[in-house]
């Protein structure tokens, strides 16, 4: 039994089914357009490179909400001992197909059982915004406990004042999920309250695909 159980989101099954429906379209989009591939976005790539440089040699790295495995595979190319997990079984099928050299498994962020101080790094790369506002702090606390002293957490999320309920995505596929948006200062405060010390913050303006967003990297200090 986990020492710190995390509340199960009420819409978990609905969100999983929605991502299963869009998984093939999303994986195809990444392959054909480059959207979602950090190599196409210099500032995002620089953030992931800084993370990789920082956690290299500290131990295993976990990409939580890895989708079709694009960032997981990039970190593996960088020489990290990285694995990916995702709520959607279909996303994981695509990840294994596209990146057979990498390790992937199916799990919700709320179902992970991570040992204390077992990881050198954790990513929540645009994958935590579906977590309800009362659940996200619990997940961040789990990440903080799972990191070794000196380990780092990096995350990116959508910025805004109001939540957005999505009813279609990635080519008009019917979905049902809520994008919980945060003001950057709120988001950073949550990370601090979880026991992590922010070390860098990158704010990005809206572009043709998305609204404003923020990337935060934080450290578990000894």
Foldseek 3Di string as FASTA:
>chain_A
DAPQAFDDDPCLVQQQVQCLQCLVLVLVCCVPPVVVQCVVPVVSVVVLVVQLVQLVPVAEEEEEQCFLPRSVQVSVVVVHNYAYEHQHPNSPVNNCVVCVVHHYYYDHLNPDRAAFQHHQEYECEQPCQQPDPVRVLSSLLVRLRRHHASHKYKYKAAADDDKDFDQADNPGHGGTTIGHHHHVVVVQVSNVVSQWAWDDKDWDADDPPGHIMMMIMTGRHD
